Amino acid sequence: MTALRMRARDFLTEDQLVDVRRRVTWKGVALIAHAWALIIGAIALVAWWPNPLTYILAVAIIGSRQLGLAILMHDGAHGCLSADETTNLTLSQWFCAYPIFAETRAYRRYHLQHHARTQQEDDPDLVLSAPFPITKLSYRRKFLRDITGQTGYQQRKAQLLNALGPKDWPRRRRLTHFLEKLGPQCAVNAVMFAVLAAAGIWWAYPLLWLLPLVTWMMVITRIRNIAEHAVVPDSSDPLRNTRTTHANLLERLFIAPYYVNYHLEHHLLFYVPCYNLPKVHRLLSESRHAGAMELQPNYAAVLRLATAKPNSDDRPGQLASSARRARAGAEIGADQNAGGF
């Protein structure tokens, strides 16, 4: 099956397209600065007032901004952080991708296949949406694996083993391969650790950077993946094979930063910077296409759709199949640092 193709001019006028496609470097920089300001502020809060409540709040904020950095890296993969590609790639790599152990160019190669073959059999991200709907019990198990760090650990382990290469390679070749795959990421994280250590809060790196990366970020990455393509009405219709989910202030703070909830608009016009997606949504909502768009009022509504399978169908055979899909998803995530978007 092949998805229907629709041109950008089927949705917006030429003037509207020029407007929403305009890439403004200072806006991209401002979003990156916003993410890091919240991360630094959350760390400072715990350092100033350490207690369980501030720590849990900080983990949730930092994990959401780590997803935010992945989202901004994704914008960089589409060339949307700056009209100048050198500036775009520099911002995406050094301030978004490397801190979360990702890489923009590798992600770009993989991700554009997803846009070309959305929800088709050869979509590389189909493994993330195909298992749904699932049972509430199944989702609960997934949530527990995510929040306890099991999913994140498996992804990072697979990423590390991939970077090291086969065991039968000579040591020098394995080292070279590792440096090619993870060298800049490790260097940036070493600088982050050194800065925190110099500030007298070295413990913030494992507890307030690595731990959110393998816990809360995993929770909301799964929710984001579900919201974007799971249980959509029509895998071949570009207005219905992905979804936009309305997000309130709390959802934008803890689950869906930097306009990632406007996923339908992103797929229709994937060279539009994320900060212009609300404008695209408004224009589409006023067009003849409004009634055909797949929309949900919030993330709770999406999760209800995605967990609508009766618990009585939660059988051992399905658990094994789910585990295989989870391992496949972990390998994809390890190689490309979370598919989707």
C-alpha atoms as a PDB file:
ATOM      1  CA  MET A   1       0.000   0.000   0.000  1.00  0.00           C
ATOM      2  CA  THR A   2       1.193   3.518  -0.790  1.00  0.00           C
ATOM      3  CA  ALA A   3       0.200   6.644   1.114  1.00  0.00           C
ATOM      4  CA  LEU A   4      -1.583   9.387  -0.784  1.00  0.00           C
ATOM      5  CA  ARG A   5       0.645  12.250  -1.880  1.00  0.00           C
ATOM      6  CA  MET A   6      -0.483  15.828  -1.345  1.00  0.00           C
ATOM      7  CA  ARG A   7       1.446  18.934  -2.319  1.00  0.00           C
ATOM      8  CA  ALA A   8       2.069  21.834   0.063  1.00  0.00           C
ATOM      9  CA  ARG A   9       0.030  24.056  -2.257  1.00  0.00           C
ATOM     10  CA  ASP A  10      -2.968  21.794  -1.718  1.00  0.00           C
ATOM     11  CA  PHE A  11      -3.117  23.197   1.806  1.00  0.00           C
ATOM     12  CA  LEU A  12      -1.778  26.746   1.799  1.00  0.00           C
ATOM     13  CA  THR A  13      -1.333  29.607  -0.634  1.00  0.00           C
ATOM     14  CA  GLU A  14       2.079  30.599  -1.957  1.00  0.00           C
ATOM     15  CA  ASP A  15       2.255  33.620   0.386  1.00  0.00           C
ATOM     16  CA  GLN A  16       1.267  31.502   3.381  1.00  0.00           C
ATOM     17  CA  LEU A  17       3.916  28.913   2.514  1.00  0.00           C
ATOM     18  CA  VAL A  18       6.623  31.559   2.247  1.00  0.00           C
ATOM     19  CA  ASP A  19       5.563  32.922   5.628  1.00  0.00           C
ATOM     20  CA  VAL A  20       5.455  29.636   7.580  1.00  0.00           C
ATOM     21  CA  ARG A  21       8.644  28.268   6.008  1.00  0.00           C
ATOM     22  CA  ARG A  22      10.713  31.284   7.043  1.00  0.00           C
ATOM     23  CA  ARG A  23      13.593  30.171   9.284  1.00  0.00           C
ATOM     24  CA  VAL A  24      14.817  32.750  11.779  1.00  0.00           C
ATOM     25  CA  THR A  25      18.084  31.928  13.520  1.00  0.00           C
ATOM     26  CA  TRP A  26      17.398  33.932  16.673  1.00  0.00           C
ATOM     27  CA  LYS A  27      14.153  32.037  17.237  1.00  0.00           C
ATOM     28  CA  GLY A  28      15.965  28.703  17.034  1.00  0.00           C
ATOM     29  CA  VAL A  29      18.643  29.978  19.421  1.00  0.00           C
ATOM     30  CA  ALA A  30      15.941  31.273  21.773  1.00  0.00           C
ATOM     31  CA  LEU A  31      14.271  27.854  21.995  1.00  0.00           C
ATOM     32  CA  ILE A  32      17.599  26.159  22.712  1.00  0.00           C
ATOM     33  CA  ALA A  33      18.393  28.794  25.345  1.00  0.00           C
ATOM     34  CA  HIS A  34      14.945  28.261  26.891  1.00  0.00           C
ATOM     35  CA  ALA A  35      15.576  24.514  27.197  1.00  0.00           C
ATOM     36  CA  TRP A  36      18.958  25.020  28.863  1.00  0.00           C
ATOM     37  CA  ALA A  37      17.629  27.768  31.137  1.00  0.00           C
ATOM     38  CA  LEU A  38      14.988  25.387  32.507  1.00  0.00           C
ATOM     39  CA  ILE A  39      17.579  22.633  32.929  1.00  0.00           C
ATOM     40  CA  ILE A  40      19.990  24.930  34.788  1.00  0.00           C
ATOM     41  CA  GLY A  41      17.170  26.386  36.851  1.00  0.00           C
ATOM     42  CA  ALA A  42      15.969  22.920  37.889  1.00  0.00           C
ATOM     43  CA  ILE A  43      19.496  21.914  38.925  1.00  0.00           C
ATOM     44  CA  ALA A  44      19.906  25.172  40.862  1.00  0.00           C
ATOM     45  CA  LEU A  45      16.588  24.583  42.635  1.00  0.00           C
ATOM     46  CA  VAL A  46      17.714  21.189  43.957  1.00  0.00           C
ATOM     47  CA  ALA A  47      21.163  22.523  44.899  1.00  0.00           C
ATOM     48  CA  TRP A  48      19.571  25.422  46.797  1.00  0.00           C
ATOM     49  CA  TRP A  49      16.652  23.529  48.369  1.00  0.00           C
ATOM     50  CA  PRO A  50      17.354  19.771  48.314  1.00  0.00           C
ATOM     51  CA  ASN A  51      14.369  17.617  49.233  1.00  0.00           C
ATOM     52  CA  PRO A  52      12.373  14.796  47.584  1.00  0.00           C
ATOM     53  CA  LEU A  53       9.731  17.126  46.116  1.00  0.00           C
ATOM     54  CA  THR A  54      12.171  19.510  44.441  1.00  0.00           C
ATOM     55  CA  TYR A  55      14.185  16.549  43.188  1.00  0.00           C
ATOM     56  CA  ILE A  56      11.168  14.829  41.579  1.00  0.00           C
ATOM     57  CA  LEU A  57      10.078  18.147  40.061  1.00  0.00           C
ATOM     58  CA  ALA A  58      13.582  18.726  38.689  1.00  0.00           C
ATOM     59  CA  VAL A  59      13.763  15.238  37.149  1.00  0.00           C
ATOM     60  CA  ALA A  60      10.433  15.825  35.386  1.00  0.00           C
ATOM     61  CA  ILE A  61      11.455  19.263  34.113  1.00  0.00           C
ATOM     62  CA  ILE A  62      14.921  18.169  33.000  1.00  0.00           C
ATOM     63  CA  GLY A  63      13.580  15.002  31.340  1.00  0.00           C
ATOM     64  CA  SER A  64      11.037  17.076  29.421  1.00  0.00           C
ATOM     65  CA  ARG A  65      13.751  19.500  28.288  1.00  0.00           C
ATOM     66  CA  GLN A  66      15.964  16.582  27.234  1.00  0.00           C
ATOM     67  CA  LEU A  67      13.077  15.552  25.003  1.00  0.00           C
ATOM     68  CA  GLY A  68      12.915  19.218  24.035  1.00  0.00           C
ATOM     69  CA  LEU A  69      16.553  19.079  22.919  1.00  0.00           C
ATOM     70  CA  ALA A  70      15.722  15.979  20.859  1.00  0.00           C
ATOM     71  CA  ILE A  71      12.836  17.895  19.286  1.00  0.00           C
ATOM     72  CA  LEU A  72      15.109  20.832  18.458  1.00  0.00           C
ATOM     73  CA  MET A  73      17.692  18.398  17.072  1.00  0.00           C
ATOM     74  CA  HIS A  74      14.860  17.086  14.917  1.00  0.00           C
ATOM     75  CA  ASP A  75      14.222  20.632  13.694  1.00  0.00           C
ATOM     76  CA  GLY A  76      17.910  20.809  12.865  1.00  0.00           C
ATOM     77  CA  ALA A  77      17.626  17.557  10.912  1.00  0.00           C
ATOM     78  CA  HIS A  78      14.999  19.325   8.787  1.00  0.00           C
ATOM     79  CA  GLY A  79      17.224  22.391   8.433  1.00  0.00           C
ATOM     80  CA  CYS A  80      14.841  24.533  10.461  1.00  0.00           C
ATOM     81  CA  LEU A  81      17.017  26.014  13.232  1.00  0.00           C
ATOM     82  CA  SER A  82      18.671  28.411  10.802  1.00  0.00           C
ATOM     83  CA  ALA A  83      18.552  29.205   7.092  1.00  0.00           C
ATOM     84  CA  ASP A  84      22.336  28.808   7.067  1.00  0.00           C
ATOM     85  CA  GLU A  85      23.114  25.079   7.091  1.00  0.00           C
ATOM     86  CA  THR A  86      26.448  25.470   8.888  1.00  0.00           C
ATOM     87  CA  THR A  87      24.766  27.411  11.702  1.00  0.00           C
ATOM     88  CA  ASN A  88      21.829  25.013  11.677  1.00  0.00           C
ATOM     89  CA  LEU A  89      24.047  21.940  12.037  1.00  0.00           C
ATOM     90  CA  THR A  90      26.253  23.558  14.691  1.00  0.00           C
ATOM     91  CA  LEU A  91      23.253  24.474  16.833  1.00  0.00           C
ATOM     92  CA  SER A  92      21.648  21.076  16.344  1.00  0.00           C
ATOM     93  CA  GLN A  93      24.765  19.014  17.033  1.00  0.00           C
ATOM     94  CA  TRP A  94      26.567  20.798  19.868  1.00  0.00           C
ATOM     95  CA  PHE A  95      23.650  22.234  21.838  1.00  0.00           C
ATOM     96  CA  CYS A  96      20.906  19.665  21.214  1.00  0.00           C
ATOM     97  CA  ALA A  97      22.117  16.268  19.952  1.00  0.00           C
ATOM     98  CA  TYR A  98      25.497  15.671  21.588  1.00  0.00           C
ATOM     99  CA  PRO A  99      24.364  16.414  25.170  1.00  0.00           C
ATOM    100  CA  ILE A 100      21.731  13.638  24.893  1.00  0.00           C
ATOM    101  CA  PHE A 101      24.124  11.232  23.096  1.00  0.00           C
ATOM    102  CA  ALA A 102      22.491  11.717  19.683  1.00  0.00           C
ATOM    103  CA  GLU A 103      23.778  12.726  16.243  1.00  0.00           C
ATOM    104  CA  THR A 104      21.880  14.923  13.793  1.00  0.00           C
ATOM    105  CA  ARG A 105      23.197  13.643  10.455  1.00  0.00           C
ATOM    106  CA  ALA A 106      22.605   9.963  11.242  1.00  0.00           C
ATOM    107  CA  TYR A 107      19.165  10.828  12.565  1.00  0.00           C
ATOM    108  CA  ARG A 108      18.397  12.845   9.410  1.00  0.00           C
ATOM    109  CA  ARG A 109      19.198   9.927   7.082  1.00  0.00           C
ATOM    110  CA  TYR A 110      16.956   7.608   9.054  1.00  0.00           C
ATOM    111  CA  HIS A 111      14.180  10.092   9.757  1.00  0.00           C
ATOM    112  CA  LEU A 112      13.549  11.229   6.185  1.00  0.00           C
ATOM    113  CA  GLN A 113      12.658   7.620   5.342  1.00  0.00           C
ATOM    114  CA  HIS A 114       9.894   7.889   7.933  1.00  0.00           C
ATOM    115  CA  HIS A 115       8.503  10.983   6.211  1.00  0.00           C
ATOM    116  CA  ALA A 116       8.680   9.360   2.780  1.00  0.00           C
ATOM    117  CA  ARG A 117       6.931   6.141   3.885  1.00  0.00           C
ATOM    118  CA  THR A 118       4.757   7.202   6.832  1.00  0.00           C
ATOM    119  CA  GLN A 119       2.765   4.294   8.290  1.00  0.00           C
ATOM    120  CA  GLN A 120       3.606   2.016   5.350  1.00  0.00           C
ATOM    121  CA  GLU A 121       5.185  -1.407   5.692  1.00  0.00           C
ATOM    122  CA  ASP A 122       8.673  -0.010   5.080  1.00  0.00           C
ATOM    123  CA  ASP A 123       8.315   2.932   7.483  1.00  0.00           C
ATOM    124  CA  PRO A 124      11.300   2.531   9.872  1.00  0.00           C
ATOM    125  CA  ASP A 125       9.153   3.908  12.711  1.00  0.00           C
ATOM    126  CA  LEU A 126       6.246   1.527  12.156  1.00  0.00           C
ATOM    127  CA  VAL A 127       7.510  -0.671  15.006  1.00  0.00           C
ATOM    128  CA  LEU A 128       6.688   2.197  17.384  1.00  0.00           C
ATOM    129  CA  SER A 129       3.010   2.410  16.446  1.00  0.00           C
ATOM    130  CA  ALA A 130       2.064  -1.012  15.036  1.00  0.00           C
ATOM    131  CA  PRO A 131       1.494  -2.789  18.396  1.00  0.00           C
ATOM    132  CA  PHE A 132      -1.353  -0.457  19.381  1.00  0.00           C
ATOM    133  CA  PRO A 133      -3.997  -0.624  20.703  1.00  0.00           C
ATOM    134  CA  ILE A 134      -2.762  -2.561  23.698  1.00  0.00           C
ATOM    135  CA  THR A 135      -4.263  -3.338  27.076  1.00  0.00           C
ATOM    136  CA  LYS A 136      -4.009  -1.063  30.089  1.00  0.00           C
ATOM    137  CA  LEU A 137      -1.999  -3.788  31.836  1.00  0.00           C
ATOM    138  CA  SER A 138       0.473  -3.854  28.968  1.00  0.00           C
ATOM    139  CA  TYR A 139       0.883  -0.086  29.042  1.00  0.00           C
ATOM    140  CA  ARG A 140       1.357  -0.193  32.801  1.00  0.00           C
ATOM    141  CA  ARG A 141       4.243  -2.622  32.364  1.00  0.00           C
ATOM    142  CA  LYS A 142       5.777  -0.388  29.710  1.00  0.00           C
ATOM    143  CA  PHE A 143       5.414   2.645  31.967  1.00  0.00           C
ATOM    144  CA  LEU A 144       7.137   0.819  34.829  1.00  0.00           C
ATOM    145  CA  ARG A 145      10.012  -0.233  32.563  1.00  0.00           C
ATOM    146  CA  ASP A 146      10.368   3.353  31.372  1.00  0.00           C
ATOM    147  CA  ILE A 147      10.162   5.114  34.724  1.00  0.00           C
ATOM    148  CA  THR A 148      12.534   2.665  36.441  1.00  0.00           C
ATOM    149  CA  GLY A 149      15.180   3.162  33.758  1.00  0.00           C
ATOM    150  CA  GLN A 150      15.009  -0.309  32.215  1.00  0.00           C
ATOM    151  CA  THR A 151      14.091   0.972  28.740  1.00  0.00           C
ATOM    152  CA  GLY A 152      16.702   3.707  28.862  1.00  0.00           C
ATOM    153  CA  TYR A 153      19.367   1.295  30.082  1.00  0.00           C
ATOM    154  CA  GLN A 154      18.665  -1.132  27.227  1.00  0.00           C
ATOM    155  CA  GLN A 155      18.797   1.669  24.660  1.00  0.00           C
ATOM    156  CA  ARG A 156      22.076   3.071  25.983  1.00  0.00           C
ATOM    157  CA  LYS A 157      23.590  -0.394  26.291  1.00  0.00           C
ATOM    158  CA  ALA A 158      22.718  -1.145  22.657  1.00  0.00           C
ATOM    159  CA  GLN A 159      24.109   2.244  21.633  1.00  0.00           C
ATOM    160  CA  LEU A 160      27.378   1.610  23.480  1.00  0.00           C
ATOM    161  CA  LEU A 161      27.812  -1.886  22.044  1.00  0.00           C
ATOM    162  CA  ASN A 162      27.092  -0.568  18.556  1.00  0.00           C
ATOM    163  CA  ALA A 163      29.697   2.178  19.022  1.00  0.00           C
ATOM    164  CA  LEU A 164      32.313  -0.324  20.211  1.00  0.00           C
ATOM    165  CA  GLY A 165      31.813  -2.540  17.166  1.00  0.00           C
ATOM    166  CA  PRO A 166      32.264  -6.334  16.945  1.00  0.00           C
ATOM    167  CA  LYS A 167      34.431  -7.966  19.607  1.00  0.00           C
ATOM    168  CA  ASP A 168      36.676  -9.572  17.003  1.00  0.00           C
ATOM    169  CA  TRP A 169      37.807  -6.180  15.695  1.00  0.00           C
ATOM    170  CA  PRO A 170      41.320  -5.031  16.714  1.00  0.00           C
ATOM    171  CA  ARG A 171      41.385  -2.698  19.707  1.00  0.00           C
ATOM    172  CA  ARG A 172      42.531   0.289  17.629  1.00  0.00           C
ATOM    173  CA  ARG A 173      39.692  -0.179  15.144  1.00  0.00           C
ATOM    174  CA  ARG A 174      37.134  -0.473  17.939  1.00  0.00           C
ATOM    175  CA  LEU A 175      38.463   2.717  19.540  1.00  0.00           C
ATOM    176  CA  THR A 176      38.330   4.581  16.228  1.00  0.00           C
ATOM    177  CA  HIS A 177      34.779   3.370  15.622  1.00  0.00           C
ATOM    178  CA  PHE A 178      33.738   4.402  19.142  1.00  0.00           C
ATOM    179  CA  LEU A 179      35.182   7.886  18.712  1.00  0.00           C
ATOM    180  CA  GLU A 180      33.378   8.254  15.386  1.00  0.00           C
ATOM    181  CA  LYS A 181      30.071   7.171  16.876  1.00  0.00           C
ATOM    182  CA  LEU A 182      30.171   8.682  20.365  1.00  0.00           C
ATOM    183  CA  GLY A 183      33.311  10.799  20.655  1.00  0.00           C
ATOM    184  CA  PRO A 184      31.697  14.273  20.467  1.00  0.00           C
ATOM    185  CA  GLN A 185      28.826  13.151  22.698  1.00  0.00           C
ATOM    186  CA  CYS A 186      31.216  11.932  25.397  1.00  0.00           C
ATOM    187  CA  ALA A 187      33.308  15.108  25.101  1.00  0.00           C
ATOM    188  CA  VAL A 188      30.291  17.380  25.571  1.00  0.00           C
ATOM    189  CA  ASN A 189      29.078  15.337  28.537  1.00  0.00           C
ATOM    190  CA  ALA A 190      32.573  15.418  30.061  1.00  0.00           C
ATOM    191  CA  VAL A 191      32.497  19.218  29.851  1.00  0.00           C
ATOM    192  CA  MET A 192      29.061  19.245  31.497  1.00  0.00           C
ATOM    193  CA  PHE A 193      30.365  17.069  34.338  1.00  0.00           C
ATOM    194  CA  ALA A 194      33.456  19.277  34.740  1.00  0.00           C
ATOM    195  CA  VAL A 195      31.339  22.445  34.947  1.00  0.00           C
ATOM    196  CA  LEU A 196      29.063  20.916  37.587  1.00  0.00           C
ATOM    197  CA  ALA A 197      32.064  19.604  39.521  1.00  0.00           C
ATOM    198  CA  ALA A 198      33.690  23.052  39.423  1.00  0.00           C
ATOM    199  CA  ALA A 199      30.451  24.481  40.808  1.00  0.00           C
ATOM    200  CA  GLY A 200      30.667  21.991  43.709  1.00  0.00           C
ATOM    201  CA  ILE A 201      27.672  19.918  42.616  1.00  0.00           C
ATOM    202  CA  TRP A 202      29.264  17.000  40.724  1.00  0.00           C
ATOM    203  CA  TRP A 203      26.408  14.773  41.918  1.00  0.00           C
ATOM    204  CA  ALA A 204      24.008  16.720  39.692  1.00  0.00           C
ATOM    205  CA  TYR A 205      25.406  15.024  36.581  1.00  0.00           C
ATOM    206  CA  PRO A 206      24.398  11.441  37.477  1.00  0.00           C
ATOM    207  CA  LEU A 207      21.300  12.400  39.479  1.00  0.00           C
ATOM    208  CA  LEU A 208      19.968  15.332  37.466  1.00  0.00           C
ATOM    209  CA  TRP A 209      21.200  14.607  33.961  1.00  0.00           C
ATOM    210  CA  LEU A 210      21.727  10.890  33.401  1.00  0.00           C
ATOM    211  CA  LEU A 211      18.831   9.727  35.563  1.00  0.00           C
ATOM    212  CA  PRO A 212      16.173  11.925  33.849  1.00  0.00           C
ATOM    213  CA  LEU A 213      17.615  10.811  30.506  1.00  0.00           C
ATOM    214  CA  VAL A 214      16.859   7.144  31.210  1.00  0.00           C
ATOM    215  CA  THR A 215      13.629   7.607  33.187  1.00  0.00           C
ATOM    216  CA  TRP A 216      11.243  10.501  32.597  1.00  0.00           C
ATOM    217  CA  MET A 217      12.476  11.169  29.079  1.00  0.00           C
ATOM    218  CA  MET A 218      11.704   7.535  28.232  1.00  0.00           C
ATOM    219  CA  VAL A 219       8.196   7.833  29.672  1.00  0.00           C
ATOM    220  CA  ILE A 220       7.288  10.891  27.630  1.00  0.00           C
ATOM    221  CA  THR A 221       9.093   9.694  24.501  1.00  0.00           C
ATOM    222  CA  ARG A 222       6.788   6.670  24.498  1.00  0.00           C
ATOM    223  CA  ILE A 223       3.730   8.895  25.050  1.00  0.00           C
ATOM    224  CA  ARG A 224       4.892  11.137  22.215  1.00  0.00           C
ATOM    225  CA  ASN A 225       5.365   8.165  19.894  1.00  0.00           C
ATOM    226  CA  ILE A 226       1.894   6.873  20.728  1.00  0.00           C
ATOM    227  CA  ALA A 227       0.285  10.267  20.157  1.00  0.00           C
ATOM    228  CA  GLU A 228       1.953  10.788  16.794  1.00  0.00           C
ATOM    229  CA  HIS A 229       1.034   7.627  14.892  1.00  0.00           C
ATOM    230  CA  ALA A 230      -0.625   4.953  17.044  1.00  0.00           C
ATOM    231  CA  VAL A 231      -4.256   3.969  16.373  1.00  0.00           C
ATOM    232  CA  VAL A 232      -4.672   6.505  13.575  1.00  0.00           C
ATOM    233  CA  PRO A 233      -7.790   6.181  11.382  1.00  0.00           C
ATOM    234  CA  ASP A 234      -6.188   5.738   7.941  1.00  0.00           C
ATOM    235  CA  SER A 235      -2.551   4.802   7.299  1.00  0.00           C
ATOM    236  CA  SER A 236      -2.729   5.990   3.680  1.00  0.00           C
ATOM    237  CA  ASP A 237      -4.313   9.427   4.208  1.00  0.00           C
ATOM    238  CA  PRO A 238      -1.793  12.186   5.114  1.00  0.00           C
ATOM    239  CA  LEU A 239      -4.512  13.976   7.068  1.00  0.00           C
ATOM    240  CA  ARG A 240      -5.261  10.842   9.087  1.00  0.00           C
ATOM    241  CA  ASN A 241      -2.079   8.746   9.294  1.00  0.00           C
ATOM    242  CA  THR A 242      -0.665  11.043  11.937  1.00  0.00           C
ATOM    243  CA  ARG A 243      -2.201  13.160  14.650  1.00  0.00           C
ATOM    244  CA  THR A 244      -2.165  16.557  16.298  1.00  0.00           C
ATOM    245  CA  THR A 245      -2.863  16.509  20.025  1.00  0.00           C
ATOM    246  CA  HIS A 246      -3.957  19.677  21.776  1.00  0.00           C
ATOM    247  CA  ALA A 247      -1.758  20.310  24.814  1.00  0.00           C
ATOM    248  CA  ASN A 248      -2.422  22.480  27.849  1.00  0.00           C
ATOM    249  CA  LEU A 249       0.243  24.358  29.812  1.00  0.00           C
ATOM    250  CA  LEU A 250       1.161  21.420  32.070  1.00  0.00           C
ATOM    251  CA  GLU A 251       1.361  19.021  29.131  1.00  0.00           C
ATOM    252  CA  ARG A 252       3.622  21.440  27.276  1.00  0.00           C
ATOM    253  CA  LEU A 253       5.836  21.766  30.364  1.00  0.00           C
ATOM    254  CA  PHE A 254       6.176  18.087  31.250  1.00  0.00           C
ATOM    255  CA  ILE A 255       5.238  16.019  28.156  1.00  0.00           C
ATOM    256  CA  ALA A 256       5.154  17.905  24.849  1.00  0.00           C
ATOM    257  CA  PRO A 257       7.665  20.768  24.623  1.00  0.00           C
ATOM    258  CA  TYR A 258       8.365  22.997  21.636  1.00  0.00           C
ATOM    259  CA  TYR A 259       5.207  22.364  19.616  1.00  0.00           C
ATOM    260  CA  VAL A 260       5.848  18.645  19.140  1.00  0.00           C
ATOM    261  CA  ASN A 261       2.114  18.049  19.572  1.00  0.00           C
ATOM    262  CA  TYR A 262       1.461  19.606  16.122  1.00  0.00           C
ATOM    263  CA  HIS A 263       2.568  16.452  14.381  1.00  0.00           C
ATOM    264  CA  LEU A 264       0.005  16.348  11.595  1.00  0.00           C
ATOM    265  CA  GLU A 265       1.061  19.833  10.504  1.00  0.00           C
ATOM    266  CA  HIS A 266       4.712  18.805  10.639  1.00  0.00           C
ATOM    267  CA  HIS A 267       4.134  15.833   8.346  1.00  0.00           C
ATOM    268  CA  LEU A 268       2.214  17.888   5.829  1.00  0.00           C
ATOM    269  CA  LEU A 269       4.889  20.606   5.728  1.00  0.00           C
ATOM    270  CA  PHE A 270       8.046  19.142   7.196  1.00  0.00           C
ATOM    271  CA  TYR A 271      10.331  22.076   6.379  1.00  0.00           C
ATOM    272  CA  VAL A 272       8.354  24.433   8.619  1.00  0.00           C
ATOM    273  CA  PRO A 273      10.165  25.460  11.845  1.00  0.00           C
ATOM    274  CA  CYS A 274       8.444  24.138  14.958  1.00  0.00           C
ATOM    275  CA  TYR A 275       7.550  27.638  16.180  1.00  0.00           C
ATOM    276  CA  ASN A 276       5.423  28.167  13.045  1.00  0.00           C
ATOM    277  CA  LEU A 277       3.414  24.955  13.430  1.00  0.00           C
ATOM    278  CA  PRO A 278       0.662  26.620  15.533  1.00  0.00           C
ATOM    279  CA  LYS A 279       0.162  29.065  12.648  1.00  0.00           C
ATOM    280  CA  VAL A 280      -0.097  26.176  10.183  1.00  0.00           C
ATOM    281  CA  HIS A 281      -2.630  24.511  12.480  1.00  0.00           C
ATOM    282  CA  ARG A 282      -4.711  27.679  12.597  1.00  0.00           C
ATOM    283  CA  LEU A 283      -4.666  28.034   8.809  1.00  0.00           C
ATOM    284  CA  LEU A 284      -5.628  24.393   8.273  1.00  0.00           C
ATOM    285  CA  SER A 285      -8.399  24.662  10.883  1.00  0.00           C
ATOM    286  CA  GLU A 286      -9.909  27.466   8.829  1.00  0.00           C
ATOM    287  CA  SER A 287      -9.608  25.553   5.546  1.00  0.00           C
ATOM    288  CA  ARG A 288     -11.740  22.945   3.788  1.00  0.00           C
ATOM    289  CA  HIS A 289      -9.474  20.252   5.282  1.00  0.00           C
ATOM    290  CA  ALA A 290     -10.447  20.993   8.896  1.00  0.00           C
ATOM    291  CA  GLY A 291     -13.017  18.206   9.203  1.00  0.00           C
ATOM    292  CA  ALA A 292     -10.648  15.550   7.842  1.00  0.00           C
ATOM    293  CA  MET A 293      -7.778  16.201  10.254  1.00  0.00           C
ATOM    294  CA  GLU A 294      -7.030  13.638  12.973  1.00  0.00           C
ATOM    295  CA  LEU A 295      -7.105  15.613  16.227  1.00  0.00           C
ATOM    296  CA  GLN A 296      -7.340  14.679  19.898  1.00  0.00           C
ATOM    297  CA  PRO A 297      -8.138  17.060  22.780  1.00  0.00           C
ATOM    298  CA  ASN A 298      -5.283  15.990  25.076  1.00  0.00           C
ATOM    299  CA  TYR A 299      -2.767  13.232  25.786  1.00  0.00           C
ATOM    300  CA  ALA A 300      -5.088  11.430  28.188  1.00  0.00           C
ATOM    301  CA  ALA A 301      -7.566  10.957  25.340  1.00  0.00           C
ATOM    302  CA  VAL A 302      -4.825   9.500  23.128  1.00  0.00           C
ATOM    303  CA  LEU A 303      -3.743   7.067  25.843  1.00  0.00           C
ATOM    304  CA  ARG A 304      -7.346   5.929  26.257  1.00  0.00           C
ATOM    305  CA  LEU A 305      -7.464   5.107  22.538  1.00  0.00           C
ATOM    306  CA  ALA A 306      -4.092   3.376  22.664  1.00  0.00           C
ATOM    307  CA  THR A 307      -5.035   1.216  25.673  1.00  0.00           C
ATOM    308  CA  ALA A 308      -8.555   0.292  24.549  1.00  0.00           C
ATOM    309  CA  LYS A 309      -7.817  -3.410  24.127  1.00  0.00           C
ATOM    310  CA  PRO A 310      -9.565  -5.509  26.802  1.00  0.00           C
ATOM    311  CA  ASN A 311      -7.321  -6.783  29.596  1.00  0.00           C
ATOM    312  CA  SER A 312      -8.681 -10.268  28.930  1.00  0.00           C
ATOM    313  CA  ASP A 313      -6.652 -10.234  25.675  1.00  0.00           C
ATOM    314  CA  ASP A 314      -3.398  -9.760  27.621  1.00  0.00           C
ATOM    315  CA  ARG A 315      -2.059 -13.296  26.985  1.00  0.00           C
ATOM    316  CA  PRO A 316       1.451 -14.731  27.542  1.00  0.00           C
ATOM    317  CA  GLY A 317       2.037 -15.142  23.798  1.00  0.00           C
ATOM    318  CA  GLN A 318       1.274 -11.496  23.277  1.00  0.00           C
ATOM    319  CA  LEU A 319       3.644 -10.585  26.080  1.00  0.00           C
ATOM    320  CA  ALA A 320       6.482 -12.364  24.289  1.00  0.00           C
ATOM    321  CA  SER A 321       5.591 -10.624  21.041  1.00  0.00           C
ATOM    322  CA  SER A 322       5.492  -7.283  22.857  1.00  0.00           C
ATOM    323  CA  ALA A 323       8.887  -7.967  24.374  1.00  0.00           C
ATOM    324  CA  ARG A 324      10.345  -8.651  20.911  1.00  0.00           C
ATOM    325  CA  ARG A 325       8.865  -5.418  19.600  1.00  0.00           C
ATOM    326  CA  ALA A 326      10.224  -3.558  22.618  1.00  0.00           C
ATOM    327  CA  ARG A 327      13.723  -4.902  21.939  1.00  0.00           C
ATOM    328  CA  ALA A 328      13.422  -3.882  18.293  1.00  0.00           C
ATOM    329  CA  GLY A 329      12.294  -0.421  19.391  1.00  0.00           C
ATOM    330  CA  ALA A 330      15.219  -0.201  21.788  1.00  0.00           C
ATOM    331  CA  GLU A 331      17.641  -0.983  18.959  1.00  0.00           C
ATOM    332  CA  ILE A 332      16.062   1.682  16.748  1.00  0.00           C
ATOM    333  CA  GLY A 333      16.183   4.177  19.574  1.00  0.00           C
ATOM    334  CA  ALA A 334      19.793   3.336  20.337  1.00  0.00           C
ATOM    335  CA  ASP A 335      20.873   3.861  16.750  1.00  0.00           C
ATOM    336  CA  GLN A 336      18.776   6.924  15.995  1.00  0.00           C
ATOM    337  CA  ASN A 337      18.031   8.286  19.498  1.00  0.00           C
ATOM    338  CA  ALA A 338      14.282   7.880  19.407  1.00  0.00           C
ATOM    339  CA  GLY A 339      12.410   7.546  16.177  1.00  0.00           C
ATOM    340  CA  GLY A 340       9.234   9.305  15.298  1.00  0.00           C
ATOM    341  CA  PHE A 341       8.696  13.059  15.327  1.00  0.00           C
END
